[in-house]
Amino acid sequence: MGSYSQFLPLVLIVIVFYFFMIRPQVKKQKDQKNYVNDLKKGDKVILTSGAHGKIAEVGDTSFLIEHESGHKTRYEKSSVSLEASKALNTPPKA
């Protein structure tokens, strides 16, 4: 019984680490992937670089983004910022 009680604090640390660090990160990655896969032509996005634009074309691994100036640039899907894009597309609360 005594040898098991030595490992109990270590096991508790691993469990706490999993629920507070690993699990939320995996959920965030899953949400990001689902959001990017659901984007379509005409959606407004903000990229992780801070660039704003509207999706002009959707490819397998990239988007063609049209900027306000009319220029079009191709970006990887992974460069879309989930939090910033959702904030852009959510109407302000009154």
N, C-alpha and C. Protein backbone atom coordinates (compact mmCIF):
# COMPACT_ATOMS: atom_id res chain seq x y z
N MET A 1 0.82 -1.19 0.00
CA MET A 1 0.00 0.00 0.00
C MET A 1 0.86 1.26 0.00
N GLY A 2 1.97 1.23 0.68
CA GLY A 2 2.84 2.38 0.81
C GLY A 2 3.47 2.80 -0.51
N SER A 3 3.80 1.85 -1.38
CA SER A 3 4.43 2.19 -2.66
C SER A 3 3.45 2.88 -3.61
N TYR A 4 2.17 2.54 -3.51
CA TYR A 4 1.18 3.19 -4.37
C TYR A 4 0.94 4.64 -3.95
N SER A 5 1.00 4.92 -2.68
CA SER A 5 0.75 6.28 -2.21
C SER A 5 1.86 7.24 -2.64
N GLN A 6 3.03 6.72 -2.97
CA GLN A 6 4.11 7.57 -3.46
C GLN A 6 3.81 8.11 -4.85
N PHE A 7 3.09 7.33 -5.64
CA PHE A 7 2.79 7.72 -7.02
C PHE A 7 1.50 8.53 -7.16
N LEU A 8 0.71 8.57 -6.11
CA LEU A 8 -0.57 9.28 -6.14
C LEU A 8 -0.41 10.76 -6.50
N PRO A 9 0.52 11.51 -5.90
CA PRO A 9 0.67 12.92 -6.30
C PRO A 9 1.06 13.08 -7.77
N LEU A 10 1.91 12.22 -8.26
CA LEU A 10 2.31 12.27 -9.67
C LEU A 10 1.13 12.01 -10.60
N VAL A 11 0.33 11.03 -10.25
CA VAL A 11 -0.86 10.71 -11.05
C VAL A 11 -1.83 11.90 -11.03
N LEU A 12 -2.02 12.51 -9.89
CA LEU A 12 -2.92 13.67 -9.79
C LEU A 12 -2.40 14.84 -10.62
N ILE A 13 -1.10 15.06 -10.62
CA ILE A 13 -0.51 16.13 -11.43
C ILE A 13 -0.76 15.88 -12.91
N VAL A 14 -0.59 14.64 -13.36
CA VAL A 14 -0.82 14.30 -14.77
C VAL A 14 -2.28 14.51 -15.14
N ILE A 15 -3.19 14.13 -14.26
CA ILE A 15 -4.63 14.30 -14.54
C ILE A 15 -4.98 15.78 -14.63
N VAL A 16 -4.50 16.57 -13.69
CA VAL A 16 -4.78 18.01 -13.72
C VAL A 16 -4.18 18.64 -14.97
N PHE A 17 -2.95 18.25 -15.31
CA PHE A 17 -2.29 18.76 -16.51
C PHE A 17 -3.12 18.45 -17.75
N TYR A 18 -3.66 17.24 -17.84
CA TYR A 18 -4.46 16.85 -18.99
C TYR A 18 -5.71 17.71 -19.11
N PHE A 19 -6.45 17.88 -18.02
CA PHE A 19 -7.72 18.60 -18.08
C PHE A 19 -7.56 20.11 -18.24
N PHE A 20 -6.45 20.68 -17.78
CA PHE A 20 -6.28 22.12 -17.87
C PHE A 20 -5.38 22.57 -19.01
N MET A 21 -4.60 21.67 -19.61
CA MET A 21 -3.67 22.07 -20.66
C MET A 21 -3.93 21.35 -21.99
N ILE A 22 -3.96 20.06 -21.97
CA ILE A 22 -4.02 19.28 -23.21
C ILE A 22 -5.41 19.28 -23.81
N ARG A 23 -6.42 18.97 -23.01
CA ARG A 23 -7.79 18.86 -23.53
C ARG A 23 -8.31 20.15 -24.15
N PRO A 24 -8.13 21.32 -23.51
CA PRO A 24 -8.60 22.56 -24.15
C PRO A 24 -7.86 22.87 -25.45
N GLN A 25 -6.57 22.55 -25.53
CA GLN A 25 -5.82 22.80 -26.75
C GLN A 25 -6.32 21.93 -27.90
N VAL A 26 -6.62 20.67 -27.62
CA VAL A 26 -7.14 19.77 -28.65
C VAL A 26 -8.50 20.26 -29.13
N LYS A 27 -9.35 20.74 -28.21
CA LYS A 27 -10.67 21.27 -28.58
C LYS A 27 -10.51 22.51 -29.45
N LYS A 28 -9.59 23.38 -29.11
CA LYS A 28 -9.35 24.60 -29.88
C LYS A 28 -8.88 24.26 -31.30
N GLN A 29 -7.98 23.28 -31.43
CA GLN A 29 -7.52 22.87 -32.76
C GLN A 29 -8.65 22.28 -33.59
N LYS A 30 -9.52 21.51 -32.96
CA LYS A 30 -10.66 20.91 -33.66
C LYS A 30 -11.63 22.00 -34.13
N ASP A 31 -11.91 22.99 -33.26
CA ASP A 31 -12.78 24.10 -33.64
C ASP A 31 -12.19 24.90 -34.81
N GLN A 32 -10.88 25.14 -34.78
CA GLN A 32 -10.19 25.87 -35.85
C GLN A 32 -10.33 25.12 -37.17
N LYS A 33 -10.10 23.82 -37.14
CA LYS A 33 -10.19 23.01 -38.36
C LYS A 33 -11.61 23.01 -38.93
N ASN A 34 -12.60 22.85 -38.06
CA ASN A 34 -14.00 22.86 -38.51
C ASN A 34 -14.38 24.22 -39.08
N TYR A 35 -13.94 25.30 -38.44
CA TYR A 35 -14.26 26.65 -38.92
C TYR A 35 -13.67 26.89 -40.30
N VAL A 36 -12.41 26.52 -40.48
CA VAL A 36 -11.74 26.74 -41.77
C VAL A 36 -12.40 25.89 -42.85
N ASN A 37 -12.78 24.66 -42.54
CA ASN A 37 -13.41 23.80 -43.54
C ASN A 37 -14.81 24.28 -43.93
N ASP A 38 -15.47 25.04 -43.04
CA ASP A 38 -16.82 25.54 -43.33
C ASP A 38 -16.82 26.88 -44.05
N LEU A 39 -15.66 27.52 -44.20
CA LEU A 39 -15.61 28.81 -44.89
C LEU A 39 -15.92 28.62 -46.37
N LYS A 40 -16.58 29.64 -46.94
CA LYS A 40 -16.96 29.56 -48.36
C LYS A 40 -16.72 30.91 -49.02
N LYS A 41 -16.90 30.96 -50.31
CA LYS A 41 -16.71 32.18 -51.08
C LYS A 41 -17.63 33.27 -50.54
N GLY A 42 -17.06 34.47 -50.35
CA GLY A 42 -17.82 35.61 -49.87
C GLY A 42 -17.68 35.86 -48.38
N ASP A 43 -17.16 34.90 -47.62
CA ASP A 43 -16.99 35.09 -46.19
C ASP A 43 -15.85 36.07 -45.92
N LYS A 44 -16.04 36.92 -44.94
CA LYS A 44 -14.99 37.86 -44.54
C LYS A 44 -14.13 37.19 -43.48
N VAL A 45 -12.81 37.33 -43.61
CA VAL A 45 -11.88 36.70 -42.68
C VAL A 45 -10.78 37.67 -42.28
N ILE A 46 -10.16 37.38 -41.15
CA ILE A 46 -8.95 38.06 -40.72
C ILE A 46 -7.89 36.99 -40.58
N LEU A 47 -6.73 37.22 -41.14
CA LEU A 47 -5.64 36.26 -41.09
C LEU A 47 -4.79 36.49 -39.84
N THR A 48 -3.99 35.51 -39.49
CA THR A 48 -3.14 35.64 -38.32
C THR A 48 -2.12 36.76 -38.50
N SER A 49 -1.83 37.14 -39.73
CA SER A 49 -0.91 38.25 -39.99
C SER A 49 -1.58 39.60 -39.79
N GLY A 50 -2.92 39.59 -39.65
CA GLY A 50 -3.67 40.83 -39.46
C GLY A 50 -4.34 41.32 -40.73
N ALA A 51 -4.12 40.65 -41.85
CA ALA A 51 -4.74 41.06 -43.11
C ALA A 51 -6.24 40.75 -43.08
N HIS A 52 -7.03 41.69 -43.62
CA HIS A 52 -8.48 41.53 -43.71
C HIS A 52 -8.83 41.30 -45.16
N GLY A 53 -9.87 40.52 -45.42
CA GLY A 53 -10.31 40.34 -46.79
C GLY A 53 -11.54 39.46 -46.87
N LYS A 54 -11.97 39.26 -48.11
CA LYS A 54 -13.13 38.43 -48.40
C LYS A 54 -12.65 37.27 -49.26
N ILE A 55 -13.14 36.08 -49.00
CA ILE A 55 -12.72 34.89 -49.75
C ILE A 55 -13.30 34.98 -51.16
N ALA A 56 -12.40 34.93 -52.15
CA ALA A 56 -12.81 34.99 -53.55
C ALA A 56 -12.83 33.60 -54.18
N GLU A 57 -12.03 32.69 -53.63
CA GLU A 57 -11.95 31.33 -54.18
C GLU A 57 -11.45 30.40 -53.09
N VAL A 58 -12.01 29.20 -53.04
CA VAL A 58 -11.60 28.21 -52.06
C VAL A 58 -10.91 27.07 -52.78
N GLY A 59 -9.68 26.75 -52.35
CA GLY A 59 -8.94 25.61 -52.89
C GLY A 59 -8.87 24.50 -51.87
N ASP A 60 -8.09 23.46 -52.20
CA ASP A 60 -7.96 22.34 -51.26
C ASP A 60 -7.23 22.75 -49.99
N THR A 61 -6.13 23.47 -50.14
CA THR A 61 -5.33 23.85 -48.97
C THR A 61 -5.17 25.36 -48.84
N SER A 62 -5.80 26.13 -49.72
CA SER A 62 -5.59 27.57 -49.68
C SER A 62 -6.86 28.33 -50.06
N PHE A 63 -6.83 29.63 -49.75
CA PHE A 63 -7.89 30.55 -50.13
C PHE A 63 -7.30 31.64 -50.99
N LEU A 64 -8.10 32.16 -51.92
CA LEU A 64 -7.75 33.38 -52.64
C LEU A 64 -8.54 34.48 -51.95
N ILE A 65 -7.81 35.42 -51.33
CA ILE A 65 -8.44 36.47 -50.55
C ILE A 65 -8.40 37.77 -51.34
N GLU A 66 -9.57 38.42 -51.45
CA GLU A 66 -9.64 39.73 -52.11
C GLU A 66 -9.62 40.81 -51.03
N HIS A 67 -8.65 41.71 -51.13
CA HIS A 67 -8.50 42.79 -50.16
C HIS A 67 -9.36 43.98 -50.58
N GLU A 68 -9.53 44.95 -49.71
CA GLU A 68 -10.36 46.12 -50.00
C GLU A 68 -9.85 46.90 -51.20
N SER A 69 -8.55 46.85 -51.44
CA SER A 69 -7.99 47.58 -52.57
C SER A 69 -8.27 46.89 -53.90
N GLY A 70 -8.82 45.68 -53.85
CA GLY A 70 -9.13 44.95 -55.08
C GLY A 70 -8.08 43.91 -55.44
N HIS A 71 -6.95 43.93 -54.76
CA HIS A 71 -5.90 42.94 -55.02
C HIS A 71 -6.30 41.60 -54.45
N LYS A 72 -5.88 40.54 -55.12
CA LYS A 72 -6.16 39.19 -54.66
C LYS A 72 -4.84 38.51 -54.34
N THR A 73 -4.83 37.81 -53.21
CA THR A 73 -3.64 37.11 -52.75
C THR A 73 -4.04 35.74 -52.25
N ARG A 74 -3.19 34.75 -52.51
CA ARG A 74 -3.47 33.39 -52.07
C ARG A 74 -2.79 33.14 -50.72
N TYR A 75 -3.57 32.59 -49.77
CA TYR A 75 -3.08 32.26 -48.43
C TYR A 75 -3.44 30.83 -48.09
N GLU A 76 -2.65 30.22 -47.24
CA GLU A 76 -2.94 28.88 -46.74
C GLU A 76 -4.14 28.95 -45.80
N LYS A 77 -4.91 27.89 -45.77
CA LYS A 77 -6.09 27.86 -44.90
C LYS A 77 -5.69 27.98 -43.43
N SER A 78 -4.53 27.50 -43.08
CA SER A 78 -4.10 27.53 -41.68
C SER A 78 -3.81 28.93 -41.19
N SER A 79 -3.75 29.91 -42.09
CA SER A 79 -3.44 31.28 -41.67
C SER A 79 -4.68 32.08 -41.26
N VAL A 80 -5.86 31.48 -41.31
CA VAL A 80 -7.08 32.16 -40.90
C VAL A 80 -7.18 32.14 -39.38
N SER A 81 -7.44 33.29 -38.78
CA SER A 81 -7.58 33.41 -37.33
C SER A 81 -9.03 33.17 -36.94
N LEU A 82 -9.28 32.13 -36.17
CA LEU A 82 -10.64 31.77 -35.75
C LEU A 82 -11.26 32.87 -34.90
N GLU A 83 -10.58 33.30 -33.85
CA GLU A 83 -11.16 34.28 -32.92
C GLU A 83 -11.42 35.61 -33.60
N ALA A 84 -10.45 36.11 -34.35
CA ALA A 84 -10.59 37.42 -34.99
C ALA A 84 -11.68 37.38 -36.07
N SER A 85 -11.73 36.31 -36.85
CA SER A 85 -12.74 36.21 -37.92
C SER A 85 -14.14 36.09 -37.35
N LYS A 86 -14.28 35.32 -36.28
CA LYS A 86 -15.61 35.21 -35.65
C LYS A 86 -16.06 36.54 -35.08
N ALA A 87 -15.13 37.29 -34.48
CA ALA A 87 -15.46 38.60 -33.95
C ALA A 87 -15.86 39.56 -35.05
N LEU A 88 -15.22 39.45 -36.21
CA LEU A 88 -15.55 40.31 -37.36
C LEU A 88 -16.96 40.01 -37.87
N ASN A 89 -17.34 38.76 -37.91
CA ASN A 89 -18.62 38.36 -38.49
C ASN A 89 -19.77 38.33 -37.48
N THR A 90 -19.50 38.55 -36.20
CA THR A 90 -20.55 38.56 -35.19
C THR A 90 -21.08 39.99 -35.05
N PRO A 91 -22.40 40.18 -35.19
CA PRO A 91 -22.95 41.53 -35.05
C PRO A 91 -22.76 42.03 -33.62
N PRO A 92 -22.50 43.32 -33.45
CA PRO A 92 -22.32 43.85 -32.09
C PRO A 92 -23.62 43.78 -31.29
N LYS A 93 -23.46 43.55 -29.99
CA LYS A 93 -24.64 43.47 -29.12
C LYS A 93 -25.10 44.88 -28.76
N ALA A 94 -26.40 45.05 -28.78
CA ALA A 94 -26.96 46.40 -28.48
C ALA A 94 -27.14 46.61 -27.01
